[in-house]
Amino acid sequence: MPTILVTNDDGVHAPGIKVLADVASDFGDVWVVAPTEEMSAASHSLTMRRNIQVTRIDRRTYAVSGSPVDSVLIALFEILPEWPDLVLSGVNAGYNLAEDVFYSGTVSAAREGALYGVPSIALSMERKEEMHWDTAEKVTRDILLEFAGRRDFRLLSVNFPSVPYGMLRGKMWTYLGNRTYERPVRKNGDGTYTIGGKPIFTVKEGSDIWAVLNLYVSVSPLSLDLTDWDYLRRLTHKS
């Protein structure tokens, strides 16, 4: 049986990780290693200046007092009995669209797996008052039926609306759209600051944003190389 590492950034007890682990158990031997508490927007952070505590919850479930990326590293090098065949991160309560892939602990945990050569998938569902976890279960199963066991990808970011499964219009391959925030910094009355703000979408057909707004499951293949190759070629040509 394949070995599957399941993690997230919402915490080891979040409903989304239970959905992901339950579905993944039909595809391989599942190990859950995830942060003890919610670590949303942790990005690709590492815990460098304090010791990390790992608590064994059951035979294959561990809580890590660190970031999502800490969890993946500790799983890979200390907990799992063998190198995993797949890393799954999520199911996150909230989209990780466009530029949010840079902030997301969910995507970063999957990216860490990909950096070590393991095919990795991050899954995120729209955050709404009514969270359709039954839809998350079915979408996760659809994704694993297509990608579990494959080695022809490195990192996928999957996003889908929180609606009844029958409302979804299918899967769409997408590119990252553009999503910034209006007034992302707010000064509070006590002199402190709050990071947040209303998202501003640039909706272009074919983007991940367009897909979820039109009730598709968005699947974006992500690169690990941030080099601006076009500009580098121009600079090299000039020299």
Foldseek 3Di string as FASTA:
>chain_A
DFEEEEEEQAALPDPWSVLLQVLCVVVDHYAYFYAHHHRFLVFLDDDDPDDKDWDDPDDRYIHINTALLNRLVCCQPPNDPHHGQEYEYDQAQADCAFPSCRRGSRQNSQVSSLVVQHAYEGHYEHHDPDAQVVLVNVVSNVVCVPPPPDRPARYKYKYAYRDPNVQAPEAAEAEGFDKDFDCQWDQDPVRDIHGDHDIDGDDDPRHPVVQRVNRYIYIYGDDPDPDPVVVVVVVVVVD
